[in-house]
PDB file of all heavy atoms in Angstrom:
ATOM      1  N   THR A   1      14.357  10.389  21.382  1.00  0.00           N
ATOM      2  CA  THR A   1      14.420  11.421  20.351  1.00  0.00           C
ATOM      3  C   THR A   1      15.303  12.562  20.825  1.00  0.00           C
ATOM      4  O   THR A   1      14.869  13.385  21.643  1.00  0.00           O
ATOM      5  CB  THR A   1      13.013  11.953  20.030  1.00  0.00           C
ATOM      6  OG1 THR A   1      12.148  10.852  19.726  1.00  0.00           O
ATOM      7  CG2 THR A   1      13.060  12.895  18.834  1.00  0.00           C
ATOM      8  N   PRO A   2      16.551  12.629  20.358  1.00  0.00           N
ATOM      9  CA  PRO A   2      17.424  13.736  20.761  1.00  0.00           C
ATOM     10  C   PRO A   2      16.828  15.077  20.355  1.00  0.00           C
ATOM     11  O   PRO A   2      16.156  15.185  19.332  1.00  0.00           O
ATOM     12  CB  PRO A   2      18.728  13.445  19.995  1.00  0.00           C
ATOM     13  CG  PRO A   2      18.664  11.992  19.650  1.00  0.00           C
ATOM     14  CD  PRO A   2      17.214  11.695  19.445  1.00  0.00           C
ATOM     15  N   GLU A   3      17.068  16.094  21.140  1.00  0.00           N
ATOM     16  CA  GLU A   3      16.492  17.407  20.874  1.00  0.00           C
ATOM     17  C   GLU A   3      16.943  17.955  19.517  1.00  0.00           C
ATOM     18  O   GLU A   3      16.169  18.599  18.816  1.00  0.00           O
ATOM     19  CB  GLU A   3      16.865  18.384  21.990  1.00  0.00           C
ATOM     20  CG  GLU A   3      16.073  19.682  21.953  1.00  0.00           C
ATOM     21  CD  GLU A   3      14.567  19.451  22.056  1.00  0.00           C
ATOM     22  OE1 GLU A   3      14.142  18.503  22.747  1.00  0.00           O
ATOM     23  OE2 GLU A   3      13.827  20.219  21.413  1.00  0.00           O
ATOM     24  N   THR A   4      18.210  17.675  19.166  1.00  0.00           N
ATOM     25  CA  THR A   4      18.707  18.178  17.878  1.00  0.00           C
ATOM     26  C   THR A   4      17.933  17.554  16.714  1.00  0.00           C
ATOM     27  O   THR A   4      17.635  18.228  15.726  1.00  0.00           O
ATOM     28  CB  THR A   4      20.198  17.883  17.715  1.00  0.00           C
ATOM     29  OG1 THR A   4      20.428  16.477  17.932  1.00  0.00           O
ATOM     30  CG2 THR A   4      21.025  18.686  18.698  1.00  0.00           C
ATOM     31  N   VAL A   5      17.619  16.263  16.830  1.00  0.00           N
ATOM     32  CA  VAL A   5      16.841  15.595  15.778  1.00  0.00           C
ATOM     33  C   VAL A   5      15.432  16.180  15.733  1.00  0.00           C
ATOM     34  O   VAL A   5      14.882  16.454  14.652  1.00  0.00           O
ATOM     35  CB  VAL A   5      16.796  14.071  16.029  1.00  0.00           C
ATOM     36  CG1 VAL A   5      15.847  13.401  15.033  1.00  0.00           C
ATOM     37  CG2 VAL A   5      18.187  13.470  15.911  1.00  0.00           C
ATOM     38  N   ARG A   6      14.842  16.398  16.901  1.00  0.00           N
ATOM     39  CA  ARG A   6      13.502  16.967  16.945  1.00  0.00           C
ATOM     40  C   ARG A   6      13.481  18.364  16.313  1.00  0.00           C
ATOM     41  O   ARG A   6      12.547  18.728  15.588  1.00  0.00           O
ATOM     42  CB  ARG A   6      13.008  17.032  18.388  1.00  0.00           C
ATOM     43  CG  ARG A   6      11.534  17.392  18.523  1.00  0.00           C
ATOM     44  CD  ARG A   6      11.085  17.354  19.972  1.00  0.00           C
ATOM     45  NE  ARG A   6      11.148  16.013  20.533  1.00  0.00           N
ATOM     46  CZ  ARG A   6      10.234  15.075  20.343  1.00  0.00           C
ATOM     47  NH1 ARG A   6       9.169  15.332  19.590  1.00  0.00           N
ATOM     48  NH2 ARG A   6      10.360  13.884  20.894  1.00  0.00           N
ATOM     49  N   GLU A   7      14.520  19.153  16.590  1.00  0.00           N
ATOM     50  CA  GLU A   7      14.596  20.501  16.028  1.00  0.00           C
ATOM     51  C   GLU A   7      14.726  20.472  14.510  1.00  0.00           C
ATOM     52  O   GLU A   7      14.079  21.251  13.807  1.00  0.00           O
ATOM     53  CB  GLU A   7      15.776  21.253  16.644  1.00  0.00           C
ATOM     54  CG  GLU A   7      15.571  21.621  18.112  1.00  0.00           C
ATOM     55  CD  GLU A   7      16.824  22.195  18.735  1.00  0.00           C
ATOM     56  OE1 GLU A   7      17.864  22.247  18.042  1.00  0.00           O
ATOM     57  OE2 GLU A   7      16.776  22.575  19.922  1.00  0.00           O
ATOM     58  N   HIS A   8      15.565  19.567  13.999  1.00  0.00           N
ATOM     59  CA  HIS A   8      15.722  19.472  12.547  1.00  0.00           C
ATOM     60  C   HIS A   8      14.425  18.996  11.895  1.00  0.00           C
ATOM     61  O   HIS A   8      14.046  19.464  10.814  1.00  0.00           O
ATOM     62  CB  HIS A   8      16.864  18.524  12.199  1.00  0.00           C
ATOM     63  CG  HIS A   8      18.228  19.128  12.373  1.00  0.00           C
ATOM     64  ND1 HIS A   8      19.033  18.865  13.443  1.00  0.00           N
ATOM     65  CD2 HIS A   8      18.910  20.006  11.614  1.00  0.00           C
ATOM     66  CE1 HIS A   8      20.160  19.545  13.335  1.00  0.00           C
ATOM     67  NE2 HIS A   8      20.111  20.246  12.237  1.00  0.00           N
ATOM     68  N   TYR A   9      13.746  18.066  12.551  1.00  0.00           N
ATOM     69  CA  TYR A   9      12.466  17.596  12.012  1.00  0.00           C
ATOM     70  C   TYR A   9      11.460  18.747  11.959  1.00  0.00           C
ATOM     71  O   TYR A   9      10.714  18.897  10.984  1.00  0.00           O
ATOM     72  CB  TYR A   9      11.919  16.454  12.869  1.00  0.00           C
ATOM     73  CG  TYR A   9      10.586  15.921  12.386  1.00  0.00           C
ATOM     74  CD1 TYR A   9      10.523  14.987  11.364  1.00  0.00           C
ATOM     75  CD2 TYR A   9       9.389  16.385  12.943  1.00  0.00           C
ATOM     76  CE1 TYR A   9       9.304  14.515  10.901  1.00  0.00           C
ATOM     77  CE2 TYR A   9       8.161  15.914  12.484  1.00  0.00           C
ATOM     78  CZ  TYR A   9       8.119  14.987  11.467  1.00  0.00           C
ATOM     79  OH  TYR A   9       6.921  14.520  11.000  1.00  0.00           O
ATOM     80  N   ALA A  10      11.459  19.571  12.999  1.00  0.00           N
ATOM     81  CA  ALA A  10      10.498  20.679  13.077  1.00  0.00           C
ATOM     82  C   ALA A  10      10.677  21.672  11.938  1.00  0.00           C
ATOM     83  O   ALA A  10       9.729  22.377  11.570  1.00  0.00           O
ATOM     84  CB  ALA A  10      10.627  21.392  14.423  1.00  0.00           C
ATOM     85  N   LEU A  11      11.866  21.746  11.368  1.00  0.00           N
ATOM     86  CA  LEU A  11      12.131  22.681  10.281  1.00  0.00           C
ATOM     87  C   LEU A  11      11.621  22.184   8.925  1.00  0.00           C
ATOM     88  O   LEU A  11      11.587  22.959   7.960  1.00  0.00           O
ATOM     89  CB  LEU A  11      13.637  22.957  10.179  1.00  0.00           C
ATOM     90  CG  LEU A  11      14.264  23.704  11.377  1.00  0.00           C
ATOM     91  CD1 LEU A  11      15.771  23.776  11.208  1.00  0.00           C
ATOM     92  CD2 LEU A  11      13.669  25.096  11.516  1.00  0.00           C
ATOM     93  N   LEU A  12      11.231  20.911   8.849  1.00  0.00           N
ATOM     94  CA  LEU A  12      10.736  20.376   7.579  1.00  0.00           C
ATOM     95  C   LEU A  12       9.413  21.032   7.220  1.00  0.00           C
ATOM     96  O   LEU A  12       8.530  21.194   8.068  1.00  0.00           O
ATOM     97  CB  LEU A  12      10.553  18.860   7.676  1.00  0.00           C
ATOM     98  CG  LEU A  12      11.823  18.012   7.835  1.00  0.00           C
ATOM     99  CD1 LEU A  12      11.458  16.546   8.004  1.00  0.00           C
ATOM    100  CD2 LEU A  12      12.750  18.189   6.638  1.00  0.00           C
ATOM    101  N   ALA A  13       9.266  21.390   5.957  1.00  0.00           N
ATOM    102  CA  ALA A  13       8.027  22.029   5.518  1.00  0.00           C
ATOM    103  C   ALA A  13       6.854  21.067   5.563  1.00  0.00           C
ATOM    104  O   ALA A  13       5.733  21.452   5.902  1.00  0.00           O
ATOM    105  CB  ALA A  13       8.210  22.590   4.104  1.00  0.00           C
ATOM    106  N   GLY A  14       7.107  19.806   5.209  1.00  0.00           N
ATOM    107  CA  GLY A  14       6.057  18.791   5.218  1.00  0.00           C
ATOM    108  C   GLY A  14       6.347  17.732   6.261  1.00  0.00           C
ATOM    109  O   GLY A  14       7.409  17.103   6.230  1.00  0.00           O
ATOM    110  N   LYS A  15       5.439  17.529   7.194  1.00  0.00           N
ATOM    111  CA  LYS A  15       5.637  16.574   8.285  1.00  0.00           C
ATOM    112  C   LYS A  15       4.985  15.235   7.940  1.00  0.00           C
ATOM    113  O   LYS A  15       4.058  15.146   7.115  1.00  0.00           O
ATOM    114  CB  LYS A  15       5.046  17.104   9.594  1.00  0.00           C
ATOM    115  CG  LYS A  15       5.514  18.507   9.986  1.00  0.00           C
ATOM    116  CD  LYS A  15       6.980  18.528  10.317  1.00  0.00           C
ATOM    117  CE  LYS A  15       7.373  19.830  11.018  1.00  0.00           C
ATOM    118  NZ  LYS A  15       7.200  21.017  10.157  1.00  0.00           N
ATOM    119  N   ALA A  16       5.421  14.181   8.614  1.00  0.00           N
ATOM    120  CA  ALA A  16       4.869  12.848   8.374  1.00  0.00           C
ATOM    121  C   ALA A  16       3.383  12.790   8.684  1.00  0.00           C
ATOM    122  O   ALA A  16       2.642  11.998   8.091  1.00  0.00           O
ATOM    123  CB  ALA A  16       5.626  11.825   9.221  1.00  0.00           C
ATOM    124  N   SER A  17       2.923  13.635   9.601  1.00  0.00           N
ATOM    125  CA  SER A  17       1.507  13.625   9.986  1.00  0.00           C
ATOM    126  C   SER A  17       0.596  14.030   8.832  1.00  0.00           C
ATOM    127  O   SER A  17      -0.616  13.776   8.880  1.00  0.00           O
ATOM    128  CB  SER A  17       1.282  14.560  11.178  1.00  0.00           C
ATOM    129  OG  SER A  17       1.739  15.867  10.877  1.00  0.00           O
ATOM    130  N   ALA A  18       1.182  14.652   7.790  1.00  0.00           N
ATOM    131  CA  ALA A  18       0.370  15.055   6.636  1.00  0.00           C
ATOM    132  C   ALA A  18       0.147  13.914   5.650  1.00  0.00           C
ATOM    133  O   ALA A  18      -0.610  14.074   4.677  1.00  0.00           O
ATOM    134  CB  ALA A  18       1.045  16.224   5.921  1.00  0.00           C
ATOM    135  N   CYS A  19       0.782  12.775   5.869  1.00  0.00           N
ATOM    136  CA  CYS A  19       0.691  11.656   4.929  1.00  0.00           C
ATOM    137  C   CYS A  19      -0.763  11.221   4.741  1.00  0.00           C
ATOM    138  O   CYS A  19      -1.492  11.005   5.716  1.00  0.00           O
ATOM    139  CB  CYS A  19       1.539  10.479   5.435  1.00  0.00           C
ATOM    140  SG  CYS A  19       1.486   9.021   4.373  1.00  0.00           S
ATOM    141  N   VAL A  20      -1.177  11.071   3.485  1.00  0.00           N
ATOM    142  CA  VAL A  20      -2.541  10.651   3.173  1.00  0.00           C
ATOM    143  C   VAL A  20      -2.608   9.175   2.807  1.00  0.00           C
ATOM    144  O   VAL A  20      -3.683   8.660   2.463  1.00  0.00           O
ATOM    145  CB  VAL A  20      -3.128  11.512   2.028  1.00  0.00           C
ATOM    146  CG1 VAL A  20      -3.248  12.956   2.474  1.00  0.00           C
ATOM    147  CG2 VAL A  20      -2.272  11.396   0.759  1.00  0.00           C
ATOM    148  N   GLY A  21      -1.445   8.485   2.844  1.00  0.00           N
ATOM    149  CA  GLY A  21      -1.432   7.048   2.604  1.00  0.00           C
ATOM    150  C   GLY A  21      -1.726   6.650   1.176  1.00  0.00           C
ATOM    151  O   GLY A  21      -2.234   5.550   0.918  1.00  0.00           O
ATOM    152  N   CYS A  22      -1.370   7.516   0.209  1.00  0.00           N
ATOM    153  CA  CYS A  22      -1.690   7.210  -1.189  1.00  0.00           C
ATOM    154  C   CYS A  22      -0.813   6.101  -1.763  1.00  0.00           C
ATOM    155  O   CYS A  22      -1.183   5.450  -2.742  1.00  0.00           O
ATOM    156  CB  CYS A  22      -1.587   8.473  -2.035  1.00  0.00           C
ATOM    157  SG  CYS A  22       0.111   9.109  -2.209  1.00  0.00           S
ATOM    158  N   GLY A  23       0.385   5.932  -1.208  1.00  0.00           N
ATOM    159  CA  GLY A  23       1.270   4.866  -1.660  1.00  0.00           C
ATOM    160  C   GLY A  23       2.084   5.177  -2.893  1.00  0.00           C
ATOM    161  O   GLY A  23       2.794   4.298  -3.402  1.00  0.00           O
ATOM    162  N   ALA A  24       2.007   6.415  -3.404  1.00  0.00           N
ATOM    163  CA  ALA A  24       2.784   6.760  -4.601  1.00  0.00           C
ATOM    164  C   ALA A  24       4.273   6.590  -4.357  1.00  0.00           C
ATOM    165  O   ALA A  24       5.024   6.155  -5.239  1.00  0.00           O
ATOM    166  CB  ALA A  24       2.479   8.204  -5.020  1.00  0.00           C
ATOM    167  N   CYS A  25       4.725   6.928  -3.150  1.00  0.00           N
ATOM    168  CA  CYS A  25       6.143   6.798  -2.806  1.00  0.00           C
ATOM    169  C   CYS A  25       6.596   5.346  -2.839  1.00  0.00           C
ATOM    170  O   CYS A  25       7.671   5.033  -3.366  1.00  0.00           O
ATOM    171  CB  CYS A  25       6.398   7.405  -1.415  1.00  0.00           C
ATOM    172  SG  CYS A  25       5.232   6.825  -0.162  1.00  0.00           S
ATOM    173  N   GLU A  26       5.763   4.461  -2.306  1.00  0.00           N
ATOM    174  CA  GLU A  26       6.129   3.041  -2.268  1.00  0.00           C
ATOM    175  C   GLU A  26       6.186   2.455  -3.671  1.00  0.00           C
ATOM    176  O   GLU A  26       7.023   1.589  -3.965  1.00  0.00           O
ATOM    177  CB  GLU A  26       5.144   2.268  -1.393  1.00  0.00           C
ATOM    178  CG  GLU A  26       5.257   2.616   0.085  1.00  0.00           C
ATOM    179  CD  GLU A  26       4.350   1.773   0.959  1.00  0.00           C
ATOM    180  OE1 GLU A  26       3.601   0.930   0.407  1.00  0.00           O
ATOM    181  OE2 GLU A  26       4.380   1.951   2.195  1.00  0.00           O
ATOM    182  N   ALA A  27       5.324   2.930  -4.540  1.00  0.00           N
ATOM    183  CA  ALA A  27       5.327   2.429  -5.919  1.00  0.00           C
ATOM    184  C   ALA A  27       6.606   2.803  -6.647  1.00  0.00           C
ATOM    185  O   ALA A  27       7.052   2.085  -7.549  1.00  0.00           O
ATOM    186  CB  ALA A  27       4.113   2.981  -6.670  1.00  0.00           C
ATOM    187  N   ARG A  28       7.231   3.915  -6.241  1.00  0.00           N
ATOM    188  CA  ARG A  28       8.461   4.375  -6.906  1.00  0.00           C
ATOM    189  C   ARG A  28       9.728   3.860  -6.239  1.00  0.00           C
ATOM    190  O   ARG A  28      10.807   3.962  -6.810  1.00  0.00           O
ATOM    191  CB  ARG A  28       8.492   5.905  -6.928  1.00  0.00           C
ATOM    192  CG  ARG A  28       7.494   6.537  -7.879  1.00  0.00           C
ATOM    193  CD  ARG A  28       7.762   8.016  -8.053  1.00  0.00           C
ATOM    194  NE  ARG A  28       7.478   8.760  -6.830  1.00  0.00           N
ATOM    195  CZ  ARG A  28       6.324   9.365  -6.565  1.00  0.00           C
ATOM    196  NH1 ARG A  28       5.345   9.321  -7.444  1.00  0.00           N
ATOM    197  NH2 ARG A  28       6.152  10.025  -5.438  1.00  0.00           N
ATOM    198  N   CYS A  29       9.645   3.323  -5.028  1.00  0.00           N
ATOM    199  CA  CYS A  29      10.836   2.930  -4.274  1.00  0.00           C
ATOM    200  C   CYS A  29      11.477   1.680  -4.869  1.00  0.00           C
ATOM    201  O   CYS A  29      10.830   0.632  -4.959  1.00  0.00           O
ATOM    202  CB  CYS A  29      10.482   2.669  -2.808  1.00  0.00           C
ATOM    203  SG  CYS A  29      11.903   2.136  -1.823  1.00  0.00           S
ATOM    204  N   PRO A  30      12.746   1.738  -5.283  1.00  0.00           N
ATOM    205  CA  PRO A  30      13.402   0.558  -5.863  1.00  0.00           C
ATOM    206  C   PRO A  30      13.699  -0.524  -4.837  1.00  0.00           C
ATOM    207  O   PRO A  30      14.029  -1.653  -5.213  1.00  0.00           O
ATOM    208  CB  PRO A  30      14.723   1.123  -6.423  1.00  0.00           C
ATOM    209  CG  PRO A  30      14.578   2.607  -6.400  1.00  0.00           C
ATOM    210  CD  PRO A  30      13.617   2.917  -5.298  1.00  0.00           C
ATOM    211  N   PHE A  31      13.592  -0.192  -3.537  1.00  0.00           N
ATOM    212  CA  PHE A  31      14.024  -1.120  -2.491  1.00  0.00           C
ATOM    213  C   PHE A  31      12.880  -1.648  -1.634  1.00  0.00           C
ATOM    214  O   PHE A  31      13.107  -2.312  -0.626  1.00  0.00           O
ATOM    215  CB  PHE A  31      15.076  -0.437  -1.599  1.00  0.00           C
ATOM    216  CG  PHE A  31      16.238   0.102  -2.381  1.00  0.00           C
ATOM    217  CD1 PHE A  31      16.394   1.463  -2.576  1.00  0.00           C
ATOM    218  CD2 PHE A  31      17.158  -0.750  -2.969  1.00  0.00           C
ATOM    219  CE1 PHE A  31      17.450   1.969  -3.311  1.00  0.00           C
ATOM    220  CE2 PHE A  31      18.213  -0.261  -3.716  1.00  0.00           C
ATOM    221  CZ  PHE A  31      18.366   1.097  -3.897  1.00  0.00           C
ATOM    222  N   GLY A  32      11.644  -1.363  -2.030  1.00  0.00           N
ATOM    223  CA  GLY A  32      10.497  -1.925  -1.324  1.00  0.00           C
ATOM    224  C   GLY A  32      10.366  -1.459   0.114  1.00  0.00           C
ATOM    225  O   GLY A  32       9.917  -2.222   0.976  1.00  0.00           O
ATOM    226  N   VAL A  33      10.738  -0.219   0.388  1.00  0.00           N
ATOM    227  CA  VAL A  33      10.661   0.308   1.754  1.00  0.00           C
ATOM    228  C   VAL A  33       9.197   0.550   2.125  1.00  0.00           C
ATOM    229  O   VAL A  33       8.439   1.133   1.323  1.00  0.00           O
ATOM    230  CB  VAL A  33      11.457   1.629   1.871  1.00  0.00           C
ATOM    231  CG1 VAL A  33      11.265   2.263   3.250  1.00  0.00           C
ATOM    232  CG2 VAL A  33      12.932   1.362   1.610  1.00  0.00           C
ATOM    233  N   PRO A  34       8.766   0.136   3.324  1.00  0.00           N
ATOM    234  CA  PRO A  34       7.387   0.394   3.767  1.00  0.00           C
ATOM    235  C   PRO A  34       7.224   1.848   4.192  1.00  0.00           C
ATOM    236  O   PRO A  34       7.155   2.170   5.381  1.00  0.00           O
ATOM    237  CB  PRO A  34       7.221  -0.582   4.934  1.00  0.00           C
ATOM    238  CG  PRO A  34       8.589  -0.737   5.509  1.00  0.00           C
ATOM    239  CD  PRO A  34       9.522  -0.649   4.323  1.00  0.00           C
ATOM    240  N   VAL A  35       7.130   2.737   3.229  1.00  0.00           N
ATOM    241  CA  VAL A  35       7.159   4.173   3.513  1.00  0.00           C
ATOM    242  C   VAL A  35       5.966   4.600   4.356  1.00  0.00           C
ATOM    243  O   VAL A  35       6.109   5.368   5.316  1.00  0.00           O
ATOM    244  CB  VAL A  35       7.197   4.987   2.201  1.00  0.00           C
ATOM    245  CG1 VAL A  35       7.208   6.478   2.514  1.00  0.00           C
ATOM    246  CG2 VAL A  35       8.420   4.605   1.377  1.00  0.00           C
ATOM    247  N   ARG A  36       4.784   4.123   4.031  1.00  0.00           N
ATOM    248  CA  ARG A  36       3.597   4.543   4.784  1.00  0.00           C
ATOM    249  C   ARG A  36       3.699   4.127   6.252  1.00  0.00           C
ATOM    250  O   ARG A  36       3.338   4.890   7.143  1.00  0.00           O
ATOM    251  CB  ARG A  36       2.334   3.966   4.132  1.00  0.00           C
ATOM    252  CG  ARG A  36       1.954   4.674   2.831  1.00  0.00           C
ATOM    253  CD  ARG A  36       0.793   4.018   2.133  1.00  0.00           C
ATOM    254  NE  ARG A  36       1.169   2.734   1.546  1.00  0.00           N
ATOM    255  CZ  ARG A  36       0.359   2.006   0.771  1.00  0.00           C
ATOM    256  NH1 ARG A  36      -0.869   2.446   0.504  1.00  0.00           N
ATOM    257  NH2 ARG A  36       0.759   0.863   0.255  1.00  0.00           N
ATOM    258  N   GLU A  37       4.220   2.959   6.473  1.00  0.00           N
ATOM    259  CA  GLU A  37       4.436   2.503   7.858  1.00  0.00           C
ATOM    260  C   GLU A  37       5.436   3.412   8.574  1.00  0.00           C
ATOM    261  O   GLU A  37       5.249   3.778   9.740  1.00  0.00           O
ATOM    262  CB  GLU A  37       4.937   1.058   7.848  1.00  0.00           C
ATOM    263  CG  GLU A  37       5.212   0.480   9.222  1.00  0.00           C
ATOM    264  CD  GLU A  37       5.762  -0.931   9.146  1.00  0.00           C
ATOM    265  OE1 GLU A  37       5.377  -1.671   8.207  1.00  0.00           O
ATOM    266  OE2 GLU A  37       6.591  -1.303  10.022  1.00  0.00           O
TER     267      GLU A  37
END
């Protein structure tokens, strides 16, 4: 994990750790991306 990537991630208002696993994102994805994973 390059420091620059870590710094940019830290600036995000919503982090991946907040994911509740509802799956709404996967239902909308046209490409079947495993978003929760």
